[in-house]
N, C-alpha and C. Protein backbone atom coordinates (compact mmCIF):
# COMPACT_ATOMS: atom_id res chain seq x y z
N MET A 1 68.37 157.30 64.50
CA MET A 1 69.43 156.75 64.80
C MET A 1 69.42 156.16 64.92
N GLY A 2 71.50 155.80 64.30
CA GLY A 2 71.77 155.43 64.09
C GLY A 2 71.82 153.07 64.47
N LYS A 3 72.10 152.52 64.33
CA LYS A 3 71.68 151.21 64.75
C LYS A 3 73.66 150.85 64.86
N SER A 4 74.16 150.00 66.36
CA SER A 4 74.79 150.30 67.34
C SER A 4 75.84 149.19 66.65
N ASP A 5 76.90 149.23 66.11
CA ASP A 5 78.47 148.23 65.92
C ASP A 5 77.33 146.78 65.75
N ALA A 6 77.59 146.71 67.23
CA ALA A 6 76.59 144.42 67.63
C ALA A 6 74.83 144.34 66.61
N GLU A 7 74.47 146.01 65.97
CA GLU A 7 74.09 145.49 64.67
C GLU A 7 74.03 144.97 63.93
N ARG A 8 75.19 145.76 63.36
CA ARG A 8 75.70 145.52 61.77
C ARG A 8 75.97 144.06 62.01
N ARG A 9 75.77 144.02 60.27
CA ARG A 9 75.64 143.10 59.46
C ARG A 9 77.44 142.51 59.01
N ILE A 10 77.14 140.85 58.37
CA ILE A 10 78.62 139.86 57.30
C ILE A 10 77.81 139.67 56.79
N ASP A 11 77.92 140.22 55.08
CA ASP A 11 77.99 140.00 54.44
C ASP A 11 79.16 139.84 53.39
N SER A 12 79.31 138.53 52.69
CA SER A 12 80.18 137.27 51.94
C SER A 12 79.21 137.38 50.58
N ALA A 13 80.34 136.76 49.97
CA ALA A 13 80.27 136.66 48.90
C ALA A 13 81.54 135.32 48.47
N ALA A 14 81.23 134.98 47.31
CA ALA A 14 82.78 133.61 46.65
C ALA A 14 82.40 132.94 44.80
N ARG A 15 83.30 132.85 44.44
CA ARG A 15 82.98 132.24 43.45
C ARG A 15 84.63 132.05 43.01
N LEU A 16 84.78 130.54 42.15
CA LEU A 16 85.78 130.03 41.13
C LEU A 16 86.25 130.62 40.34
N ILE A 17 87.73 131.41 40.80
CA ILE A 17 88.32 131.78 39.44
C ILE A 17 89.23 130.55 38.87
N ALA A 18 89.58 130.42 37.52
CA ALA A 18 90.38 130.20 37.01
C ALA A 18 91.06 129.84 36.43
N ALA A 19 92.32 130.63 37.68
CA ALA A 19 93.66 131.47 37.69
C ALA A 19 94.85 130.88 39.31
N PRO A 20 95.70 130.50 39.28
CA PRO A 20 96.02 130.11 40.37
C PRO A 20 96.40 131.07 41.40
N ALA A 21 96.69 130.48 42.20
CA ALA A 21 95.96 131.69 43.86
C ALA A 21 97.52 133.23 43.66
N GLU A 22 98.79 132.60 42.98
CA GLU A 22 99.68 133.10 42.75
C GLU A 22 99.30 134.44 42.20
N THR A 23 98.70 133.61 41.28
CA THR A 23 98.55 135.40 40.27
C THR A 23 96.63 136.38 40.31
N ILE A 24 96.37 135.42 41.46
CA ILE A 24 94.68 136.92 41.87
C ILE A 24 95.51 137.51 42.60
N TYR A 25 96.79 137.28 43.62
CA TYR A 25 97.06 137.86 44.87
C TYR A 25 97.71 138.77 44.14
N ARG A 26 98.13 138.75 43.32
CA ARG A 26 99.41 139.81 42.30
C ARG A 26 97.96 140.47 42.14
N ALA A 27 96.48 140.67 42.13
CA ALA A 27 95.98 141.91 41.00
C ALA A 27 95.43 142.63 42.63
N PHE A 28 95.62 141.62 44.18
CA PHE A 28 95.14 142.24 44.54
C PHE A 28 96.33 143.24 45.16
N VAL A 29 97.47 143.18 45.16
CA VAL A 29 98.63 144.38 45.64
C VAL A 29 99.37 145.55 44.67
N ASP A 30 97.77 145.45 43.06
CA ASP A 30 98.35 146.27 41.89
C ASP A 30 97.62 147.55 42.26
N GLY A 31 97.84 148.03 41.94
CA GLY A 31 96.44 149.66 42.24
C GLY A 31 96.14 149.64 40.80
N SER A 32 96.31 149.54 39.75
CA SER A 32 96.36 149.73 38.31
C SER A 32 95.53 148.58 38.10
N ALA A 33 96.27 147.02 38.36
CA ALA A 33 95.04 146.52 38.75
C ALA A 33 93.87 146.47 39.68
N TRP A 34 93.18 146.91 40.45
CA TRP A 34 92.29 147.26 41.66
C TRP A 34 91.54 148.75 40.63
N GLU A 35 91.83 149.12 40.00
CA GLU A 35 91.15 149.95 38.98
C GLU A 35 89.71 150.27 37.59
N ARG A 36 90.38 147.90 37.25
CA ARG A 36 89.96 147.32 36.40
C ARG A 36 89.00 146.30 36.19
N TRP A 37 89.11 145.88 38.15
CA TRP A 37 88.42 145.32 38.88
C TRP A 37 88.13 145.42 39.54
N LEU A 38 88.27 145.88 40.44
CA LEU A 38 87.12 145.92 41.73
C LEU A 38 86.28 146.81 41.66
N PRO A 39 86.14 147.60 41.22
CA PRO A 39 84.81 148.52 40.36
C PRO A 39 83.38 147.55 40.65
N PRO A 40 82.60 147.92 40.26
CA PRO A 40 81.20 146.81 40.31
C PRO A 40 80.44 147.43 39.04
N ALA A 41 79.91 146.80 38.59
CA ALA A 41 78.80 147.32 37.70
C ALA A 41 78.70 148.40 37.62
N GLY A 42 78.40 149.37 36.40
CA GLY A 42 78.01 150.93 36.77
C GLY A 42 79.06 152.16 37.16
N MET A 43 80.61 151.09 37.41
CA MET A 43 80.88 152.26 37.90
C MET A 43 82.87 152.27 37.40
N ILE A 44 83.16 153.53 37.18
CA ILE A 44 84.59 153.45 36.78
C ILE A 44 85.54 153.52 38.02
N GLY A 45 86.94 152.93 38.84
CA GLY A 45 87.44 154.10 39.26
C GLY A 45 88.79 153.92 39.38
N ARG A 46 89.10 155.84 40.01
CA ARG A 46 90.11 155.77 39.76
C ARG A 46 91.40 156.01 41.61
N VAL A 47 92.47 155.23 41.35
CA VAL A 47 93.41 154.99 42.15
C VAL A 47 93.74 155.98 42.73
N GLU A 48 94.32 157.15 43.91
CA GLU A 48 95.17 158.49 44.01
C GLU A 48 95.76 158.08 44.95
N ILE A 49 95.43 157.36 45.95
CA ILE A 49 97.03 156.53 47.18
C ILE A 49 96.46 155.07 46.65
N PHE A 50 97.95 154.10 46.91
CA PHE A 50 98.11 153.04 47.28
C PHE A 50 99.10 152.57 47.46
N GLU A 51 99.57 151.78 48.68
CA GLU A 51 100.56 151.72 49.13
C GLU A 51 100.10 150.11 49.73
N PRO A 52 100.74 149.49 49.17
CA PRO A 52 100.03 147.66 49.64
C PRO A 52 101.21 147.67 50.51
N ARG A 53 101.73 147.64 51.77
CA ARG A 53 101.41 147.48 52.39
C ARG A 53 101.36 147.33 54.23
N VAL A 54 102.09 146.51 54.72
CA VAL A 54 101.00 146.09 56.14
C VAL A 54 100.71 147.45 57.24
N GLY A 55 99.55 148.08 57.22
CA GLY A 55 99.66 149.43 57.42
C GLY A 55 99.94 150.79 56.38
N GLY A 56 100.03 149.88 55.30
CA GLY A 56 99.41 151.50 54.07
C GLY A 56 98.30 151.67 54.06
N ARG A 57 97.82 152.92 53.30
CA ARG A 57 96.64 152.86 53.04
C ARG A 57 96.60 153.37 51.81
N TYR A 58 95.58 153.21 51.74
CA TYR A 58 94.61 153.40 49.95
C TYR A 58 94.13 154.61 49.31
N ARG A 59 93.48 154.93 48.95
CA ARG A 59 92.54 155.78 47.94
C ARG A 59 91.46 155.81 46.90
N MET A 60 90.12 155.54 46.53
CA MET A 60 90.11 155.01 46.08
C MET A 60 88.23 155.72 45.15
N VAL A 61 88.33 156.87 44.34
CA VAL A 61 87.10 157.05 43.40
C VAL A 61 86.39 156.38 42.76
N LEU A 62 84.71 155.94 43.41
CA LEU A 62 84.50 155.74 42.35
C LEU A 62 83.61 156.45 41.41
N THR A 63 83.30 156.13 40.43
CA THR A 63 81.68 157.14 39.74
C THR A 63 81.41 156.41 38.90
N TYR A 64 80.09 156.60 39.37
CA TYR A 64 79.18 156.10 38.45
C TYR A 64 79.56 156.32 37.13
N ARG A 65 78.86 155.67 36.72
CA ARG A 65 78.56 155.86 35.19
C ARG A 65 77.07 156.36 34.43
N GLY A 66 76.46 155.75 33.88
CA GLY A 66 74.85 157.12 33.10
C GLY A 66 74.03 157.29 34.38
N ASP A 67 72.95 156.08 33.66
CA ASP A 67 71.65 156.34 35.12
C ASP A 67 72.21 155.29 36.90
N HIS A 68 71.78 156.06 37.44
CA HIS A 68 71.87 154.96 38.55
C HIS A 68 70.27 155.00 39.45
N GLU A 69 70.23 153.52 40.23
CA GLU A 69 68.80 154.04 41.18
C GLU A 69 69.47 155.09 42.07
N ASN A 70 70.74 154.82 42.29
CA ASN A 70 70.92 155.11 44.14
C ASN A 70 72.07 156.54 44.04
N ARG A 71 72.15 157.70 45.18
CA ARG A 71 72.51 158.14 44.98
C ARG A 71 74.59 157.65 45.05
N GLY A 72 75.38 158.51 44.46
CA GLY A 72 76.35 157.76 46.07
C GLY A 72 76.88 158.26 47.22
N LYS A 73 77.40 157.57 48.02
CA LYS A 73 77.92 158.09 48.87
C LYS A 73 78.67 159.59 49.57
N THR A 74 79.39 159.10 48.19
CA THR A 74 80.37 161.03 48.43
C THR A 74 79.12 161.90 47.72
N ALA A 75 79.25 162.13 46.42
CA ALA A 75 78.37 163.15 46.94
C ALA A 75 77.31 162.16 44.86
N GLU A 76 76.34 163.30 44.72
CA GLU A 76 76.01 162.54 43.11
C GLU A 76 75.62 161.37 42.67
N ASN A 77 76.91 161.03 42.25
CA ASN A 77 77.33 159.91 41.54
C ASN A 77 79.12 159.12 42.50
N MET A 78 79.49 159.70 43.45
CA MET A 78 80.84 159.31 43.77
C MET A 78 81.25 158.76 45.64
N ASP A 79 81.60 157.97 44.82
CA ASP A 79 82.19 157.22 46.78
C ASP A 79 83.40 156.91 46.74
N ILE A 80 83.82 157.92 47.21
CA ILE A 80 85.22 157.79 47.49
C ILE A 80 85.40 156.62 48.99
N VAL A 81 87.11 155.57 49.31
CA VAL A 81 86.24 155.67 49.88
C VAL A 81 88.47 155.31 50.24
N GLU A 82 88.83 154.94 51.74
CA GLU A 82 89.77 155.17 51.98
C GLU A 82 89.88 153.49 52.67
N GLY A 83 91.05 153.21 52.56
CA GLY A 83 90.99 152.00 53.49
C GLY A 83 92.91 152.03 53.51
N ARG A 84 93.45 150.78 54.45
CA ARG A 84 94.75 150.92 55.10
C ARG A 84 94.30 148.57 55.33
N PHE A 85 95.75 148.69 54.48
CA PHE A 85 95.94 147.59 54.94
C PHE A 85 96.52 146.44 55.89
N ILE A 86 95.35 145.96 56.70
CA ILE A 86 96.33 145.25 57.40
C ILE A 86 96.69 144.25 57.83
N GLU A 87 96.95 143.04 56.75
CA GLU A 87 97.43 141.79 56.78
C GLU A 87 97.22 141.77 55.17
N PHE A 88 98.55 141.22 54.91
CA PHE A 88 98.92 140.47 54.28
C PHE A 88 98.80 138.34 54.16
N ALA A 89 98.69 138.05 53.63
CA ALA A 89 99.96 135.70 53.85
C ALA A 89 99.23 136.07 52.50
N HIS A 90 100.95 135.93 52.05
CA HIS A 90 101.10 135.82 50.08
C HIS A 90 100.43 134.35 49.55
N ASP A 91 99.60 134.24 48.77
CA ASP A 91 98.54 133.57 47.91
C ASP A 91 97.74 133.17 49.19
N GLU A 92 97.41 133.50 49.26
CA GLU A 92 96.29 133.23 50.56
C GLU A 92 95.30 134.00 51.04
N LYS A 93 94.74 135.44 51.18
CA LYS A 93 94.59 136.37 51.70
C LYS A 93 94.87 137.62 52.05
N ALA A 94 94.28 138.33 52.05
CA ALA A 94 94.68 139.86 52.10
C ALA A 94 93.39 140.86 52.88
N VAL A 95 93.22 141.13 53.70
CA VAL A 95 92.79 141.97 54.63
C VAL A 95 92.61 143.77 55.33
N HIS A 96 91.98 144.45 54.91
CA HIS A 96 91.68 145.26 54.85
C HIS A 96 90.94 146.35 55.52
N ALA A 97 90.99 147.48 55.96
CA ALA A 97 89.81 148.47 56.29
C ALA A 97 89.28 149.20 55.47
N VAL A 98 88.27 149.50 55.68
CA VAL A 98 87.58 150.78 54.16
C VAL A 98 86.67 151.66 55.07
N THR A 99 86.68 152.58 54.19
CA THR A 99 85.44 153.90 54.66
C THR A 99 84.98 154.41 54.24
N PHE A 100 83.92 154.65 53.84
CA PHE A 100 83.53 155.26 53.06
C PHE A 100 83.99 157.06 52.79
N GLU A 101 84.21 158.08 52.31
CA GLU A 101 83.67 159.33 53.13
C GLU A 101 82.76 160.27 52.45
N SER A 102 82.29 159.91 53.79
CA SER A 102 80.09 160.76 53.47
C SER A 102 80.01 161.04 55.17
N GLU A 103 79.34 162.55 54.77
CA GLU A 103 78.15 163.03 56.09
C GLU A 103 77.01 162.07 56.55
N ASP A 104 77.51 160.85 55.89
CA ASP A 104 75.66 160.73 56.52
C ASP A 104 76.22 159.63 57.44
N PRO A 105 75.72 159.76 57.72
CA PRO A 105 76.21 159.01 59.16
C PRO A 105 76.15 157.09 59.32
N ALA A 106 74.88 156.71 58.35
CA ALA A 106 74.95 155.64 58.24
C ALA A 106 75.55 154.78 56.84
N PHE A 107 76.78 155.82 56.65
CA PHE A 107 77.83 155.38 56.23
C PHE A 107 78.78 154.75 56.74
N ALA A 108 78.93 154.96 58.59
CA ALA A 108 80.11 155.41 58.95
C ALA A 108 80.77 154.41 59.18
N GLY A 109 81.97 154.48 59.56
CA GLY A 109 82.42 153.23 60.28
C GLY A 109 83.41 152.65 59.74
N ASP A 110 84.60 151.71 59.69
CA ASP A 110 85.41 150.84 58.99
C ASP A 110 84.35 149.61 58.84
N ARG A 111 84.92 149.07 57.78
CA ARG A 111 83.91 148.20 57.42
C ARG A 111 85.96 147.29 57.33
N ARG A 112 85.33 146.26 57.71
CA ARG A 112 86.35 145.42 57.61
C ARG A 112 86.46 143.72 55.97
N MET A 113 87.44 144.11 55.00
CA MET A 113 86.87 143.31 54.27
C MET A 113 88.25 141.95 54.42
N THR A 114 87.51 140.21 54.66
CA THR A 114 89.07 139.66 53.92
C THR A 114 88.53 138.99 52.70
N TRP A 115 89.89 138.81 52.01
CA TRP A 115 89.63 138.72 50.90
C TRP A 115 90.86 137.22 50.66
N SER A 116 89.75 135.82 51.10
CA SER A 116 90.01 134.94 50.67
C SER A 116 90.50 134.11 49.92
N LEU A 117 91.43 133.09 49.40
CA LEU A 117 91.67 132.24 48.97
C LEU A 117 92.21 130.49 49.16
N SER A 118 91.24 129.84 48.62
CA SER A 118 91.75 128.36 48.50
C SER A 118 91.65 128.16 46.99
N PRO A 119 93.31 127.06 47.50
CA PRO A 119 93.13 126.04 45.79
C PRO A 119 91.31 125.48 45.39
N ALA A 120 91.41 125.22 44.44
CA ALA A 120 90.86 124.52 44.36
C ALA A 120 90.33 123.39 43.11
N PRO A 121 90.72 122.50 42.27
CA PRO A 121 91.14 121.40 41.30
C PRO A 121 90.23 122.39 40.21
N ALA A 122 89.94 123.71 40.14
CA ALA A 122 89.83 124.46 38.84
C ALA A 122 89.66 125.49 38.35
N GLY A 123 90.69 125.60 39.44
CA GLY A 123 91.23 127.63 39.87
C GLY A 123 91.53 127.37 41.90
N THR A 124 91.28 128.88 41.74
CA THR A 124 90.75 128.90 43.32
C THR A 124 89.43 130.09 43.40
N GLU A 125 89.11 129.62 44.93
CA GLU A 125 88.37 129.70 44.87
C GLU A 125 88.12 131.23 46.38
N LEU A 126 88.06 131.53 45.91
CA LEU A 126 88.06 133.33 46.02
C LEU A 126 86.95 134.60 46.92
N THR A 127 87.05 134.06 48.92
CA THR A 127 85.32 134.60 49.08
C THR A 127 86.36 135.89 49.76
N ILE A 128 84.75 136.51 49.73
CA ILE A 128 85.45 138.21 50.49
C ILE A 128 83.79 138.50 51.05
N THR A 129 84.25 138.00 52.81
CA THR A 129 84.12 138.54 53.81
C THR A 129 83.73 140.20 54.27
N CYS A 130 82.56 140.73 54.13
CA CYS A 130 82.68 141.96 55.06
C CYS A 130 81.88 142.36 55.69
N GLU A 131 83.01 142.43 57.16
CA GLU A 131 82.30 141.95 58.48
C GLU A 131 81.67 144.63 58.72
N ASN A 132 80.97 144.37 60.22
CA ASN A 132 80.58 145.86 60.55
C ASN A 132 79.93 146.34 58.60
N VAL A 133 79.30 146.21 58.28
CA VAL A 133 78.84 146.54 57.81
C VAL A 133 77.82 148.34 56.97
N PRO A 134 78.12 148.54 56.83
CA PRO A 134 76.74 150.11 57.71
C PRO A 134 75.74 149.71 57.18
N PHE A 135 74.67 150.42 57.85
CA PHE A 135 73.42 150.24 57.73
C PHE A 135 73.23 150.28 56.53
N GLY A 136 72.98 151.62 56.39
CA GLY A 136 73.36 152.29 55.29
C GLY A 136 73.17 151.35 53.28
N ILE A 137 74.34 150.43 53.25
CA ILE A 137 74.42 150.02 52.81
C ILE A 137 73.17 148.90 53.01
N SER A 138 72.55 148.71 51.59
CA SER A 138 70.74 147.69 51.88
C SER A 138 71.86 146.10 51.49
N LYS A 139 71.29 145.08 51.81
CA LYS A 139 72.15 142.96 52.12
C LYS A 139 72.28 143.65 50.84
N ALA A 140 71.02 143.93 49.16
CA ALA A 140 70.81 143.70 48.74
C ALA A 140 71.84 144.41 47.76
N ASP A 141 71.61 145.79 47.82
CA ASP A 141 73.29 145.75 47.32
C ASP A 141 73.81 145.92 46.59
N HIS A 142 74.35 145.15 48.48
CA HIS A 142 75.90 144.44 48.57
C HIS A 142 76.21 143.38 48.09
N ASP A 143 75.28 142.36 48.49
CA ASP A 143 75.84 141.27 47.12
C ASP A 143 75.30 141.20 45.69
N VAL A 144 74.85 142.64 45.76
CA VAL A 144 75.48 142.49 44.32
C VAL A 144 76.11 143.22 43.72
N GLY A 145 77.16 144.19 44.27
CA GLY A 145 78.01 144.49 44.74
C GLY A 145 78.70 144.22 44.46
N LEU A 146 79.45 142.90 44.91
CA LEU A 146 80.17 141.74 45.73
C LEU A 146 80.13 141.44 44.68
N ARG A 147 78.87 140.68 44.02
CA ARG A 147 79.06 139.15 43.46
C ARG A 147 80.17 140.45 41.67
N SER A 148 79.73 141.14 41.69
CA SER A 148 80.54 141.81 40.43
C SER A 148 81.42 142.37 40.30
N THR A 149 82.21 142.58 41.30
CA THR A 149 83.41 142.17 41.74
C THR A 149 84.60 140.98 40.71
N LEU A 150 83.13 140.48 42.05
CA LEU A 150 84.05 138.81 41.72
C LEU A 150 83.85 138.89 40.32
N ALA A 151 83.29 138.95 39.75
CA ALA A 151 82.89 139.16 37.77
C ALA A 151 84.07 139.55 37.45
N ASN A 152 83.91 140.53 37.65
CA ASN A 152 85.06 141.73 36.81
C ASN A 152 86.78 140.71 37.69
N LEU A 153 86.54 140.68 38.56
CA LEU A 153 88.46 139.32 38.58
C LEU A 153 88.77 138.67 37.30
N ALA A 154 86.78 137.81 37.69
CA ALA A 154 87.52 136.66 37.20
C ALA A 154 87.69 136.95 35.95
N THR A 155 87.17 137.24 35.31
CA THR A 155 87.04 138.81 34.07
C THR A 155 88.34 138.51 33.49
N PHE A 156 89.23 139.76 34.22
CA PHE A 156 90.67 140.25 34.46
C PHE A 156 91.77 139.07 34.80
N MET A 157 91.23 137.97 35.34
CA MET A 157 91.96 136.53 35.39
C MET A 157 91.93 135.82 34.32
N GLU A 158 90.92 135.39 33.93
CA GLU A 158 90.43 134.58 32.82
C GLU A 158 91.21 135.09 31.99
């Protein structure tokens, strides 16, 4: 039996990135940039649909490279995510809802992902907050994935 929405958790991660908020924000609204920085370590990404406007949608295929411990959510070596953009605040935040394409109810439902940018003396503090995380994603794995994505973005920016 699955857990109720009330039992789903909120995960977050943050990182200081040595780049101005406006430069980082541009990476949030560029599908080709997403392919380079969004996939966590061990995965490659391909954006199939990308409409960066409120109400717009996206579809991204994430494929595992080499050996990996966990089975993909969509297929053995693949996660497919579909999302819609909820809010953009230029140079401050981007909010979207994302759903895994999966037959497993452990991965069902929309996660709300908020990317918040705050100016800092050495660049920009970037925080990602994920609400309504499906219980099929372990906290430990999600923490690793979020930190990996932030590290990728830092490398992409710096």
